[in-house]
Amino acid sequence: MITLVLSLADVLRYRFAISPLGEVVSLTRAMALPHVFSTGTPSAWLRRHELARRRLQAEHDLRPLLALMSADPTLPGFLTPPGSALGDIEPELEAVRTMPVEQARAEIEQIVPTGGRLAPEVERQLRSPDVTRRLAGLLEAVWDVLVDPSWQLLRDVLERDILQRSRSLAHGGLTELFDDLGPLVTLDEPELRIESPSVEATRILDGRGLLLRPSAFIWPYAAVALDEDQPAELVYPARGVASLLYSEPQRFDGALAALIGSTRAQVLAMLDEPMHTSGLARLFRRSPGNIADHLKALRDSGLIDRVRVGRKVVYSRTQLGDALLFGAEAPVRAIAVK
């Protein structure tokens, strides 16, 4: 169990971030520890992309990276620079490449001591003067093959999670923000407790704040990065990943489809969490213009509403939409005061 002791100053310094490199690291760790990640989203993703994974391992010597990922419950800090709101992998990879070699090798030494059980050629690569560039190159190869082709879909999931939790924080405070993450993450103010099978630690944040990073490839675990000079980083399972991995948009062929059309019924069902036009278009494999037409019809009928978030317009179901979709079992939604 990892316990973070929060203060009011920490609460005022909460922020969200997206880290493409963090997703690559989580997926690579699942590759390195298949017995630990035999279930969950990373293993499901790897099974879904088995041929691509085999090609990746045939074309690149991933042994130094996999050895580093499997040697210890903790990871070298230089492999996981803090994410950003932009979610761009290039600055993250550059931070790994340009990390001072002495610092990187010292962190590696803590995790993989010299004279361990590694093959000599693998150990030579981890102790080499170009180790940071070597590891950055391998992480980039994993990104190119296993993550980048689906990044827009994955990013949509992460952004929807952040939007939903931002609304929860505004409506119900910290209690509602963490409510659906139990038992992995539980709040017993002033303590935030994160389940960890191998680490026991308590850290008083003392005003440094907390960085919240949703991940598509962390479930069924959560993780914490602790750095004396940086905010603590909580990596938690993003909402909605299971639907992306395991199912297609639900089909409707009954009364609801007859009333508003099958595609519009599907779109209405997908708006359990706010989504934007491009994200829906990717899920349905249709043009944004086609999806926009369906969204306009649903909005004109009062079944969905929209709000601008930054440069995007996101859509969500109204209470009328819930009632039409779920009938008497429609969930009770808080009414936001604008």
C-alpha atoms as a PDB file:
ATOM      1  CA  MET A   1       0.000   0.000   0.000  1.00  0.00           C
ATOM      2  CA  ILE A   2       1.250   3.470  -0.932  1.00  0.00           C
ATOM      3  CA  THR A   3      -0.214   6.269   1.163  1.00  0.00           C
ATOM      4  CA  LEU A   4      -0.112   9.891   0.065  1.00  0.00           C
ATOM      5  CA  VAL A   5      -0.881  12.385   2.832  1.00  0.00           C
ATOM      6  CA  LEU A   6      -2.640  15.381   1.316  1.00  0.00           C
ATOM      7  CA  SER A   7      -2.906  18.965   2.470  1.00  0.00           C
ATOM      8  CA  LEU A   8      -5.030  21.860   1.255  1.00  0.00           C
ATOM      9  CA  ALA A   9      -2.023  23.140  -0.679  1.00  0.00           C
ATOM     10  CA  ASP A  10      -1.818  19.802  -2.522  1.00  0.00           C
ATOM     11  CA  VAL A  11      -5.513  19.904  -3.411  1.00  0.00           C
ATOM     12  CA  LEU A  12      -5.003  23.328  -4.975  1.00  0.00           C
ATOM     13  CA  ARG A  13      -2.238  21.859  -7.144  1.00  0.00           C
ATOM     14  CA  TYR A  14      -4.091  18.953  -8.734  1.00  0.00           C
ATOM     15  CA  ARG A  15      -3.755  18.693 -12.501  1.00  0.00           C
ATOM     16  CA  PHE A  16      -4.290  16.109 -15.234  1.00  0.00           C
ATOM     17  CA  ALA A  17      -1.852  15.005 -17.912  1.00  0.00           C
ATOM     18  CA  ILE A  18      -1.553  12.594 -20.823  1.00  0.00           C
ATOM     19  CA  SER A  19       1.702  10.746 -21.477  1.00  0.00           C
ATOM     20  CA  PRO A  20       2.126   8.743 -24.700  1.00  0.00           C
ATOM     21  CA  LEU A  21       5.526   7.582 -23.446  1.00  0.00           C
ATOM     22  CA  GLY A  22       3.914   6.480 -20.191  1.00  0.00           C
ATOM     23  CA  GLU A  23       1.530   4.317 -22.229  1.00  0.00           C
ATOM     24  CA  VAL A  24       4.477   2.808 -24.113  1.00  0.00           C
ATOM     25  CA  VAL A  25       6.291   2.062 -20.840  1.00  0.00           C
ATOM     26  CA  SER A  26       3.212   0.385 -19.336  1.00  0.00           C
ATOM     27  CA  LEU A  27       2.704  -1.752 -22.439  1.00  0.00           C
ATOM     28  CA  THR A  28       6.391  -2.685 -22.564  1.00  0.00           C
ATOM     29  CA  ARG A  29       6.299  -3.692 -18.903  1.00  0.00           C
ATOM     30  CA  ALA A  30       3.429  -6.043 -19.704  1.00  0.00           C
ATOM     31  CA  MET A  31       5.576  -7.563 -22.459  1.00  0.00           C
ATOM     32  CA  ALA A  32       8.413  -8.027 -19.974  1.00  0.00           C
ATOM     33  CA  LEU A  33       6.213  -9.524 -17.226  1.00  0.00           C
ATOM     34  CA  PRO A  34       3.545 -11.635 -18.959  1.00  0.00           C
ATOM     35  CA  HIS A  35       2.934 -13.676 -15.781  1.00  0.00           C
ATOM     36  CA  VAL A  36       2.130 -10.491 -13.832  1.00  0.00           C
ATOM     37  CA  PHE A  37      -0.013  -8.986 -16.595  1.00  0.00           C
ATOM     38  CA  SER A  38      -1.735 -12.198 -17.683  1.00  0.00           C
ATOM     39  CA  THR A  39      -5.069 -10.379 -17.451  1.00  0.00           C
ATOM     40  CA  GLY A  40      -6.058  -6.766 -17.922  1.00  0.00           C
ATOM     41  CA  THR A  41      -5.932  -4.209 -20.678  1.00  0.00           C
ATOM     42  CA  PRO A  42      -2.224  -4.424 -21.636  1.00  0.00           C
ATOM     43  CA  SER A  43      -2.338  -8.193 -22.125  1.00  0.00           C
ATOM     44  CA  ALA A  44      -5.571  -7.874 -24.116  1.00  0.00           C
ATOM     45  CA  TRP A  45      -3.946  -5.230 -26.318  1.00  0.00           C
ATOM     46  CA  LEU A  46      -0.869  -7.387 -26.907  1.00  0.00           C
ATOM     47  CA  ARG A  47      -3.019 -10.382 -27.849  1.00  0.00           C
ATOM     48  CA  ARG A  48      -4.964  -8.206 -30.252  1.00  0.00           C
ATOM     49  CA  HIS A  49      -1.699  -7.064 -31.880  1.00  0.00           C
ATOM     50  CA  GLU A  50       0.195 -10.355 -31.628  1.00  0.00           C
ATOM     51  CA  LEU A  51       1.528 -10.332 -35.204  1.00  0.00           C
ATOM     52  CA  ALA A  52       2.784  -6.764 -34.853  1.00  0.00           C
ATOM     53  CA  ARG A  53       4.449  -7.626 -31.534  1.00  0.00           C
ATOM     54  CA  ARG A  54       6.244 -10.593 -33.093  1.00  0.00           C
ATOM     55  CA  ARG A  55       7.459  -8.430 -35.965  1.00  0.00           C
ATOM     56  CA  LEU A  56       8.678  -5.819 -33.490  1.00  0.00           C
ATOM     57  CA  GLN A  57      10.689  -8.346 -31.485  1.00  0.00           C
ATOM     58  CA  ALA A  58      12.101  -9.890 -34.661  1.00  0.00           C
ATOM     59  CA  GLU A  59      13.316  -6.512 -35.970  1.00  0.00           C
ATOM     60  CA  HIS A  60      14.636  -5.018 -32.707  1.00  0.00           C
ATOM     61  CA  ASP A  61      16.706  -6.367 -29.845  1.00  0.00           C
ATOM     62  CA  LEU A  62      14.346  -5.411 -27.038  1.00  0.00           C
ATOM     63  CA  ARG A  63      16.258  -7.385 -24.395  1.00  0.00           C
ATOM     64  CA  PRO A  64      17.873  -4.365 -22.638  1.00  0.00           C
ATOM     65  CA  LEU A  65      14.527  -2.590 -22.382  1.00  0.00           C
ATOM     66  CA  LEU A  66      12.634  -5.703 -21.254  1.00  0.00           C
ATOM     67  CA  ALA A  67      15.354  -6.541 -18.716  1.00  0.00           C
ATOM     68  CA  LEU A  68      15.033  -3.061 -17.213  1.00  0.00           C
ATOM     69  CA  MET A  69      11.240  -3.347 -17.097  1.00  0.00           C
ATOM     70  CA  SER A  70      11.258  -6.703 -15.303  1.00  0.00           C
ATOM     71  CA  ALA A  71      14.156  -6.292 -12.873  1.00  0.00           C
ATOM     72  CA  ASP A  72      12.375  -4.411 -10.089  1.00  0.00           C
ATOM     73  CA  PRO A  73       8.907  -3.179  -9.050  1.00  0.00           C
ATOM     74  CA  THR A  74      10.150   0.393  -9.524  1.00  0.00           C
ATOM     75  CA  LEU A  75      11.276   1.921 -12.809  1.00  0.00           C
ATOM     76  CA  PRO A  76      14.102   4.362 -13.545  1.00  0.00           C
ATOM     77  CA  GLY A  77      12.719   7.875 -13.277  1.00  0.00           C
ATOM     78  CA  PHE A  78      14.319   8.994 -16.541  1.00  0.00           C
ATOM     79  CA  LEU A  79      12.081   6.588 -18.505  1.00  0.00           C
ATOM     80  CA  THR A  80       8.913   8.254 -17.253  1.00  0.00           C
ATOM     81  CA  PRO A  81       9.194  12.060 -17.566  1.00  0.00           C
ATOM     82  CA  PRO A  82       6.027  13.904 -16.458  1.00  0.00           C
ATOM     83  CA  GLY A  83       3.234  13.944 -19.041  1.00  0.00           C
ATOM     84  CA  SER A  84       1.653  17.114 -20.364  1.00  0.00           C
ATOM     85  CA  ALA A  85      -1.716  18.385 -21.459  1.00  0.00           C
ATOM     86  CA  LEU A  86      -0.486  18.207 -25.075  1.00  0.00           C
ATOM     87  CA  GLY A  87       0.122  14.461 -25.064  1.00  0.00           C
ATOM     88  CA  ASP A  88       3.048  14.653 -27.538  1.00  0.00           C
ATOM     89  CA  ILE A  89       5.583  11.822 -27.424  1.00  0.00           C
ATOM     90  CA  GLU A  90       8.479  13.620 -29.123  1.00  0.00           C
ATOM     91  CA  PRO A  91       9.396  15.895 -26.176  1.00  0.00           C
ATOM     92  CA  GLU A  92       9.167  12.883 -23.855  1.00  0.00           C
ATOM     93  CA  LEU A  93      11.496  10.793 -26.012  1.00  0.00           C
ATOM     94  CA  GLU A  94      13.886  13.726 -26.305  1.00  0.00           C
ATOM     95  CA  ALA A  95      13.945  14.015 -22.505  1.00  0.00           C
ATOM     96  CA  VAL A  96      15.033  10.365 -22.331  1.00  0.00           C
ATOM     97  CA  ARG A  97      17.677  10.792 -25.061  1.00  0.00           C
ATOM     98  CA  THR A  98      19.226  13.859 -23.450  1.00  0.00           C
ATOM     99  CA  MET A  99      19.200  12.628 -19.860  1.00  0.00           C
ATOM    100  CA  PRO A 100      22.777  12.893 -18.465  1.00  0.00           C
ATOM    101  CA  VAL A 101      24.309   9.453 -18.922  1.00  0.00           C
ATOM    102  CA  GLU A 102      25.771   9.424 -15.413  1.00  0.00           C
ATOM    103  CA  GLN A 103      22.342   9.952 -13.877  1.00  0.00           C
ATOM    104  CA  ALA A 104      20.711   7.349 -16.111  1.00  0.00           C
ATOM    105  CA  ARG A 105      23.379   4.741 -15.373  1.00  0.00           C
ATOM    106  CA  ALA A 106      23.100   5.422 -11.631  1.00  0.00           C
ATOM    107  CA  GLU A 107      19.334   4.807 -11.785  1.00  0.00           C
ATOM    108  CA  ILE A 108      19.866   1.654 -13.830  1.00  0.00           C
ATOM    109  CA  GLU A 109      22.469   0.423 -11.331  1.00  0.00           C
ATOM    110  CA  GLN A 110      19.949   0.733  -8.493  1.00  0.00           C
ATOM    111  CA  ILE A 111      17.540  -1.539 -10.353  1.00  0.00           C
ATOM    112  CA  VAL A 112      19.940  -3.847 -12.197  1.00  0.00           C
ATOM    113  CA  PRO A 113      23.135  -4.207 -10.109  1.00  0.00           C
ATOM    114  CA  THR A 114      26.332  -5.100 -11.917  1.00  0.00           C
ATOM    115  CA  GLY A 115      27.061  -8.799 -12.017  1.00  0.00           C
ATOM    116  CA  GLY A 116      23.441  -9.895 -12.051  1.00  0.00           C
ATOM    117  CA  ARG A 117      21.900 -12.648 -14.127  1.00  0.00           C
ATOM    118  CA  LEU A 118      21.723 -10.742 -17.391  1.00  0.00           C
ATOM    119  CA  ALA A 119      23.337 -12.034 -20.558  1.00  0.00           C
ATOM    120  CA  PRO A 120      26.724 -10.298 -21.007  1.00  0.00           C
ATOM    121  CA  GLU A 121      25.692  -8.531 -24.227  1.00  0.00           C
ATOM    122  CA  VAL A 122      22.521  -7.199 -22.567  1.00  0.00           C
ATOM    123  CA  GLU A 123      24.481  -5.910 -19.583  1.00  0.00           C
ATOM    124  CA  ARG A 124      26.991  -4.234 -21.918  1.00  0.00           C
ATOM    125  CA  GLN A 125      24.152  -2.375 -23.633  1.00  0.00           C
ATOM    126  CA  LEU A 126      22.741  -1.171 -20.310  1.00  0.00           C
ATOM    127  CA  ARG A 127      26.172   0.092 -19.177  1.00  0.00           C
ATOM    128  CA  SER A 128      27.093   1.665 -22.536  1.00  0.00           C
ATOM    129  CA  PRO A 129      27.727   5.435 -22.916  1.00  0.00           C
ATOM    130  CA  ASP A 130      24.789   5.691 -25.360  1.00  0.00           C
ATOM    131  CA  VAL A 131      22.312   3.832 -23.141  1.00  0.00           C
ATOM    132  CA  THR A 132      19.798   6.693 -23.046  1.00  0.00           C
ATOM    133  CA  ARG A 133      19.653   6.964 -26.835  1.00  0.00           C
ATOM    134  CA  ARG A 134      19.504   3.184 -27.152  1.00  0.00           C
ATOM    135  CA  LEU A 135      16.558   2.890 -24.769  1.00  0.00           C
ATOM    136  CA  ALA A 136      14.787   5.890 -26.323  1.00  0.00           C
ATOM    137  CA  GLY A 137      15.134   4.221 -29.714  1.00  0.00           C
ATOM    138  CA  LEU A 138      13.597   0.981 -28.433  1.00  0.00           C
ATOM    139  CA  LEU A 139      10.712   2.837 -26.773  1.00  0.00           C
ATOM    140  CA  GLU A 140      10.129   4.684 -30.035  1.00  0.00           C
ATOM    141  CA  ALA A 141      10.029   1.356 -31.902  1.00  0.00           C
ATOM    142  CA  VAL A 142       7.352   0.037 -29.511  1.00  0.00           C
ATOM    143  CA  TRP A 143       5.413   3.278 -30.002  1.00  0.00           C
ATOM    144  CA  ASP A 144       5.614   3.079 -33.810  1.00  0.00           C
ATOM    145  CA  VAL A 145       4.389  -0.521 -34.006  1.00  0.00           C
ATOM    146  CA  LEU A 146       1.996  -1.059 -31.085  1.00  0.00           C
ATOM    147  CA  VAL A 147       0.640   2.326 -30.023  1.00  0.00           C
ATOM    148  CA  ASP A 148       0.895   5.030 -32.678  1.00  0.00           C
ATOM    149  CA  PRO A 149      -1.451   3.382 -35.238  1.00  0.00           C
ATOM    150  CA  SER A 150      -4.253   3.493 -32.623  1.00  0.00           C
ATOM    151  CA  TRP A 151      -3.150   6.589 -30.716  1.00  0.00           C
ATOM    152  CA  GLN A 152      -6.062   8.801 -31.738  1.00  0.00           C
ATOM    153  CA  LEU A 153      -8.561   6.240 -30.428  1.00  0.00           C
ATOM    154  CA  LEU A 154      -6.560   5.750 -27.244  1.00  0.00           C
ATOM    155  CA  ARG A 155      -6.139   9.478 -26.748  1.00  0.00           C
ATOM    156  CA  ASP A 156      -9.876   9.974 -27.144  1.00  0.00           C
ATOM    157  CA  VAL A 157     -10.413   7.570 -24.233  1.00  0.00           C
ATOM    158  CA  LEU A 158      -7.865   9.396 -22.060  1.00  0.00           C
ATOM    159  CA  GLU A 159      -9.305  12.824 -22.858  1.00  0.00           C
ATOM    160  CA  ARG A 160     -12.847  11.638 -22.101  1.00  0.00           C
ATOM    161  CA  ASP A 161     -11.664  10.343 -18.740  1.00  0.00           C
ATOM    162  CA  ILE A 162     -10.072  13.683 -17.880  1.00  0.00           C
ATOM    163  CA  LEU A 163     -13.182  15.590 -18.901  1.00  0.00           C
ATOM    164  CA  GLN A 164     -15.440  13.305 -16.859  1.00  0.00           C
ATOM    165  CA  ARG A 165     -13.246  13.495 -13.763  1.00  0.00           C
ATOM    166  CA  SER A 166     -12.879  17.258 -14.068  1.00  0.00           C
ATOM    167  CA  ARG A 167     -16.648  17.493 -13.959  1.00  0.00           C
ATOM    168  CA  SER A 168     -16.758  15.098 -11.000  1.00  0.00           C
ATOM    169  CA  LEU A 169     -14.193  17.216  -9.156  1.00  0.00           C
ATOM    170  CA  ALA A 170     -16.184  20.369  -9.819  1.00  0.00           C
ATOM    171  CA  HIS A 171     -19.450  18.757  -8.715  1.00  0.00           C
ATOM    172  CA  GLY A 172     -18.497  16.559  -5.781  1.00  0.00           C
ATOM    173  CA  GLY A 173     -14.916  17.373  -4.867  1.00  0.00           C
ATOM    174  CA  LEU A 174     -12.192  14.801  -4.239  1.00  0.00           C
ATOM    175  CA  THR A 175     -14.628  12.167  -2.975  1.00  0.00           C
ATOM    176  CA  GLU A 176     -16.428  12.017  -6.309  1.00  0.00           C
ATOM    177  CA  LEU A 177     -13.198  12.314  -8.284  1.00  0.00           C
ATOM    178  CA  PHE A 178     -11.831   9.045  -6.849  1.00  0.00           C
ATOM    179  CA  ASP A 179     -15.159   7.340  -6.178  1.00  0.00           C
ATOM    180  CA  ASP A 180     -15.069   4.797  -9.030  1.00  0.00           C
ATOM    181  CA  LEU A 181     -11.379   3.893  -8.632  1.00  0.00           C
ATOM    182  CA  GLY A 182     -11.785   1.768  -5.504  1.00  0.00           C
ATOM    183  CA  PRO A 183     -10.355  -0.521  -4.317  1.00  0.00           C
ATOM    184  CA  LEU A 184      -7.244   0.391  -6.334  1.00  0.00           C
ATOM    185  CA  VAL A 185      -7.386   4.013  -5.169  1.00  0.00           C
ATOM    186  CA  THR A 186      -9.313   5.094  -2.073  1.00  0.00           C
ATOM    187  CA  LEU A 187      -9.604   8.442  -0.358  1.00  0.00           C
ATOM    188  CA  ASP A 188      -9.794   8.610   3.429  1.00  0.00           C
ATOM    189  CA  GLU A 189      -9.020  12.257   3.963  1.00  0.00           C
ATOM    190  CA  PRO A 190      -6.349  13.411   4.336  1.00  0.00           C
ATOM    191  CA  GLU A 191      -4.886  10.145   3.000  1.00  0.00           C
ATOM    192  CA  LEU A 192      -5.022   8.843  -0.549  1.00  0.00           C
ATOM    193  CA  ARG A 193      -4.272   5.111  -0.554  1.00  0.00           C
ATOM    194  CA  ILE A 194      -3.074   3.237  -3.634  1.00  0.00           C
ATOM    195  CA  GLU A 195      -2.958  -0.552  -3.650  1.00  0.00           C
ATOM    196  CA  SER A 196       0.500  -1.898  -4.437  1.00  0.00           C
ATOM    197  CA  PRO A 197       1.413  -5.600  -4.321  1.00  0.00           C
ATOM    198  CA  SER A 198       5.124  -4.940  -3.806  1.00  0.00           C
ATOM    199  CA  VAL A 199       5.675  -1.435  -2.383  1.00  0.00           C
ATOM    200  CA  GLU A 200       4.907  -0.136   1.109  1.00  0.00           C
ATOM    201  CA  ALA A 201       5.428   3.606   1.496  1.00  0.00           C
ATOM    202  CA  THR A 202       3.934   6.745   3.019  1.00  0.00           C
ATOM    203  CA  ARG A 203       4.677  10.159   1.565  1.00  0.00           C
ATOM    204  CA  ILE A 204       3.592  13.550   2.893  1.00  0.00           C
ATOM    205  CA  LEU A 205       3.172  15.646  -0.245  1.00  0.00           C
ATOM    206  CA  ASP A 206       3.717  18.871   1.681  1.00  0.00           C
ATOM    207  CA  GLY A 207       2.236  21.172  -0.948  1.00  0.00           C
ATOM    208  CA  ARG A 208       4.002  19.684  -3.996  1.00  0.00           C
ATOM    209  CA  GLY A 209       0.651  18.704  -5.499  1.00  0.00           C
ATOM    210  CA  LEU A 210      -0.573  15.678  -7.399  1.00  0.00           C
ATOM    211  CA  LEU A 211      -0.418  14.907 -11.118  1.00  0.00           C
ATOM    212  CA  LEU A 212      -3.270  12.630 -12.244  1.00  0.00           C
ATOM    213  CA  ARG A 213      -2.574  10.586 -15.366  1.00  0.00           C
ATOM    214  CA  PRO A 214      -5.166   8.227 -16.852  1.00  0.00           C
ATOM    215  CA  SER A 215      -3.743   5.176 -18.614  1.00  0.00           C
ATOM    216  CA  ALA A 216      -5.161   2.686 -21.073  1.00  0.00           C
ATOM    217  CA  PHE A 217      -2.520   0.094 -20.162  1.00  0.00           C
ATOM    218  CA  ILE A 218      -2.346   0.064 -16.354  1.00  0.00           C
ATOM    219  CA  TRP A 219      -5.468  -1.903 -15.331  1.00  0.00           C
ATOM    220  CA  PRO A 220      -5.766  -4.002 -13.132  1.00  0.00           C
ATOM    221  CA  TYR A 221      -3.153  -1.943 -11.290  1.00  0.00           C
ATOM    222  CA  ALA A 222      -2.490   1.667 -10.371  1.00  0.00           C
ATOM    223  CA  ALA A 223       0.942   3.215  -9.932  1.00  0.00           C
ATOM    224  CA  VAL A 224       2.615   6.152  -8.204  1.00  0.00           C
ATOM    225  CA  ALA A 225       5.773   8.014  -9.173  1.00  0.00           C
ATOM    226  CA  LEU A 226       7.421   9.757  -6.221  1.00  0.00           C
ATOM    227  CA  ASP A 227      10.090  12.387  -6.744  1.00  0.00           C
ATOM    228  CA  GLU A 228      11.332  14.693  -4.021  1.00  0.00           C
ATOM    229  CA  ASP A 229      11.405  17.700  -6.352  1.00  0.00           C
ATOM    230  CA  GLN A 230       8.223  17.037  -8.358  1.00  0.00           C
ATOM    231  CA  PRO A 231       4.513  16.542  -7.663  1.00  0.00           C
ATOM    232  CA  ALA A 232       3.573  12.939  -6.983  1.00  0.00           C
ATOM    233  CA  GLU A 233       2.157  11.284 -10.103  1.00  0.00           C
ATOM    234  CA  LEU A 234      -0.797   8.908  -9.811  1.00  0.00           C
ATOM    235  CA  VAL A 235      -1.336   6.648 -12.827  1.00  0.00           C
ATOM    236  CA  TYR A 236      -4.787   5.096 -12.773  1.00  0.00           C
ATOM    237  CA  PRO A 237      -6.985   3.062 -15.181  1.00  0.00           C
ATOM    238  CA  ALA A 238      -8.889   5.303 -17.561  1.00  0.00           C
ATOM    239  CA  ARG A 239     -12.629   4.924 -17.882  1.00  0.00           C
ATOM    240  CA  GLY A 240     -13.978   3.402 -21.095  1.00  0.00           C
ATOM    241  CA  VAL A 241     -10.924   1.377 -22.164  1.00  0.00           C
ATOM    242  CA  ALA A 242     -12.768  -1.940 -21.942  1.00  0.00           C
ATOM    243  CA  SER A 243     -15.309  -0.878 -24.546  1.00  0.00           C
ATOM    244  CA  LEU A 244     -12.492   0.100 -26.897  1.00  0.00           C
ATOM    245  CA  LEU A 245     -10.716  -3.233 -26.463  1.00  0.00           C
ATOM    246  CA  TYR A 246     -13.474  -5.744 -26.198  1.00  0.00           C
ATOM    247  CA  SER A 247     -16.532  -4.512 -28.079  1.00  0.00           C
ATOM    248  CA  GLU A 248     -17.898  -2.626 -31.047  1.00  0.00           C
ATOM    249  CA  PRO A 249     -20.601   0.049 -30.711  1.00  0.00           C
ATOM    250  CA  GLN A 250     -23.795  -1.622 -29.546  1.00  0.00           C
ATOM    251  CA  ARG A 251     -26.310  -2.430 -32.298  1.00  0.00           C
ATOM    252  CA  PHE A 252     -29.960  -1.475 -32.012  1.00  0.00           C
ATOM    253  CA  ASP A 253     -32.617  -3.205 -34.068  1.00  0.00           C
ATOM    254  CA  GLY A 254     -35.748  -2.790 -31.931  1.00  0.00           C
ATOM    255  CA  ALA A 255     -38.145  -0.024 -30.965  1.00  0.00           C
ATOM    256  CA  LEU A 256     -35.471   2.611 -30.281  1.00  0.00           C
ATOM    257  CA  ALA A 257     -33.885   2.045 -33.703  1.00  0.00           C
ATOM    258  CA  ALA A 258     -37.312   2.276 -35.321  1.00  0.00           C
ATOM    259  CA  LEU A 259     -37.940   5.556 -33.525  1.00  0.00           C
ATOM    260  CA  ILE A 260     -34.681   7.436 -34.149  1.00  0.00           C
ATOM    261  CA  GLY A 261     -32.679   5.141 -36.441  1.00  0.00           C
ATOM    262  CA  SER A 262     -30.095   2.466 -35.644  1.00  0.00           C
ATOM    263  CA  THR A 263     -27.002   4.685 -36.039  1.00  0.00           C
ATOM    264  CA  ARG A 264     -28.463   7.475 -33.906  1.00  0.00           C
ATOM    265  CA  ALA A 265     -29.384   4.939 -31.259  1.00  0.00           C
ATOM    266  CA  GLN A 266     -25.772   3.690 -31.321  1.00  0.00           C
ATOM    267  CA  VAL A 267     -24.417   7.232 -31.021  1.00  0.00           C
ATOM    268  CA  LEU A 268     -26.782   7.975 -28.140  1.00  0.00           C
ATOM    269  CA  ALA A 269     -25.615   4.808 -26.348  1.00  0.00           C
ATOM    270  CA  MET A 270     -21.936   5.722 -26.794  1.00  0.00           C
ATOM    271  CA  LEU A 271     -22.392   9.022 -24.972  1.00  0.00           C
ATOM    272  CA  ASP A 272     -22.214   7.540 -21.481  1.00  0.00           C
ATOM    273  CA  GLU A 273     -19.236   9.876 -21.241  1.00  0.00           C
ATOM    274  CA  PRO A 274     -18.715  13.124 -23.179  1.00  0.00           C
ATOM    275  CA  MET A 275     -17.212  12.684 -26.652  1.00  0.00           C
ATOM    276  CA  HIS A 276     -16.377  14.911 -29.591  1.00  0.00           C
ATOM    277  CA  THR A 277     -17.288  14.403 -33.236  1.00  0.00           C
ATOM    278  CA  SER A 278     -13.887  13.137 -34.387  1.00  0.00           C
ATOM    279  CA  GLY A 279     -13.703  10.567 -31.593  1.00  0.00           C
ATOM    280  CA  LEU A 280     -17.138   9.204 -32.462  1.00  0.00           C
ATOM    281  CA  ALA A 281     -16.207   9.135 -36.149  1.00  0.00           C
ATOM    282  CA  ARG A 282     -13.144   7.014 -35.378  1.00  0.00           C
ATOM    283  CA  LEU A 283     -15.159   4.575 -33.271  1.00  0.00           C
ATOM    284  CA  PHE A 284     -17.863   4.205 -35.899  1.00  0.00           C
ATOM    285  CA  ARG A 285     -15.399   4.299 -38.823  1.00  0.00           C
ATOM    286  CA  ARG A 286     -17.467   6.993 -40.495  1.00  0.00           C
ATOM    287  CA  SER A 287     -16.707  10.498 -41.699  1.00  0.00           C
ATOM    288  CA  PRO A 288     -16.922  13.347 -39.177  1.00  0.00           C
ATOM    289  CA  GLY A 289     -19.537  14.977 -41.412  1.00  0.00           C
ATOM    290  CA  ASN A 290     -21.780  11.913 -41.225  1.00  0.00           C
ATOM    291  CA  ILE A 291     -21.492  11.760 -37.425  1.00  0.00           C
ATOM    292  CA  ALA A 292     -22.092  15.515 -37.173  1.00  0.00           C
ATOM    293  CA  ASP A 293     -25.416  15.080 -39.018  1.00  0.00           C
ATOM    294  CA  HIS A 294     -26.555  12.442 -36.500  1.00  0.00           C
ATOM    295  CA  LEU A 295     -25.417  14.602 -33.572  1.00  0.00           C
ATOM    296  CA  LYS A 296     -27.367  17.574 -34.884  1.00  0.00           C
ATOM    297  CA  ALA A 297     -30.539  15.479 -35.163  1.00  0.00           C
ATOM    298  CA  LEU A 298     -30.102  14.143 -31.619  1.00  0.00           C
ATOM    299  CA  ARG A 299     -29.433  17.614 -30.261  1.00  0.00           C
ATOM    300  CA  ASP A 300     -32.407  19.119 -32.075  1.00  0.00           C
ATOM    301  CA  SER A 301     -34.531  16.422 -30.394  1.00  0.00           C
ATOM    302  CA  GLY A 302     -33.219  17.383 -26.942  1.00  0.00           C
ATOM    303  CA  LEU A 303     -31.547  13.983 -26.437  1.00  0.00           C
ATOM    304  CA  ILE A 304     -27.991  15.308 -26.199  1.00  0.00           C
ATOM    305  CA  ASP A 305     -26.319  18.584 -25.321  1.00  0.00           C
ATOM    306  CA  ARG A 306     -22.976  20.090 -26.201  1.00  0.00           C
ATOM    307  CA  VAL A 307     -20.374  22.258 -24.531  1.00  0.00           C
ATOM    308  CA  ARG A 308     -17.114  23.743 -25.795  1.00  0.00           C
ATOM    309  CA  VAL A 309     -13.961  22.532 -24.041  1.00  0.00           C
ATOM    310  CA  GLY A 310     -10.936  24.371 -25.376  1.00  0.00           C
ATOM    311  CA  ARG A 311     -10.983  24.031 -29.153  1.00  0.00           C
ATOM    312  CA  LYS A 312     -13.323  21.035 -29.157  1.00  0.00           C
ATOM    313  CA  VAL A 313     -17.075  20.689 -28.813  1.00  0.00           C
ATOM    314  CA  VAL A 314     -18.070  17.651 -26.762  1.00  0.00           C
ATOM    315  CA  TYR A 315     -21.477  16.014 -26.595  1.00  0.00           C
ATOM    316  CA  SER A 316     -23.222  14.191 -23.756  1.00  0.00           C
ATOM    317  CA  ARG A 317     -26.689  12.746 -23.156  1.00  0.00           C
ATOM    318  CA  THR A 318     -29.368  14.814 -21.481  1.00  0.00           C
ATOM    319  CA  GLN A 319     -31.770  13.409 -18.901  1.00  0.00           C
ATOM    320  CA  LEU A 320     -34.295  12.999 -21.723  1.00  0.00           C
ATOM    321  CA  GLY A 321     -31.711  10.962 -23.654  1.00  0.00           C
ATOM    322  CA  ASP A 322     -31.103   8.800 -20.583  1.00  0.00           C
ATOM    323  CA  ALA A 323     -34.836   8.233 -20.178  1.00  0.00           C
ATOM    324  CA  LEU A 324     -35.243   7.238 -23.834  1.00  0.00           C
ATOM    325  CA  LEU A 325     -32.261   4.860 -23.697  1.00  0.00           C
ATOM    326  CA  PHE A 326     -32.796   3.298 -20.271  1.00  0.00           C
ATOM    327  CA  GLY A 327     -36.487   3.857 -19.559  1.00  0.00           C
ATOM    328  CA  ALA A 328     -37.413   3.632 -15.879  1.00  0.00           C
ATOM    329  CA  GLU A 329     -33.830   2.607 -15.017  1.00  0.00           C
ATOM    330  CA  ALA A 330     -32.299   5.839 -16.307  1.00  0.00           C
ATOM    331  CA  PRO A 331     -29.379   6.959 -14.099  1.00  0.00           C
ATOM    332  CA  VAL A 332     -29.865  10.053 -11.973  1.00  0.00           C
ATOM    333  CA  ARG A 333     -27.595  12.836 -13.216  1.00  0.00           C
ATOM    334  CA  ALA A 334     -26.607  15.973 -11.371  1.00  0.00           C
ATOM    335  CA  ILE A 335     -27.889  19.126 -12.992  1.00  0.00           C
ATOM    336  CA  ALA A 336     -25.053  21.524 -13.685  1.00  0.00           C
ATOM    337  CA  VAL A 337     -25.737  25.205 -13.044  1.00  0.00           C
ATOM    338  CA  LYS A 338     -24.265  27.358 -15.790  1.00  0.00           C
END
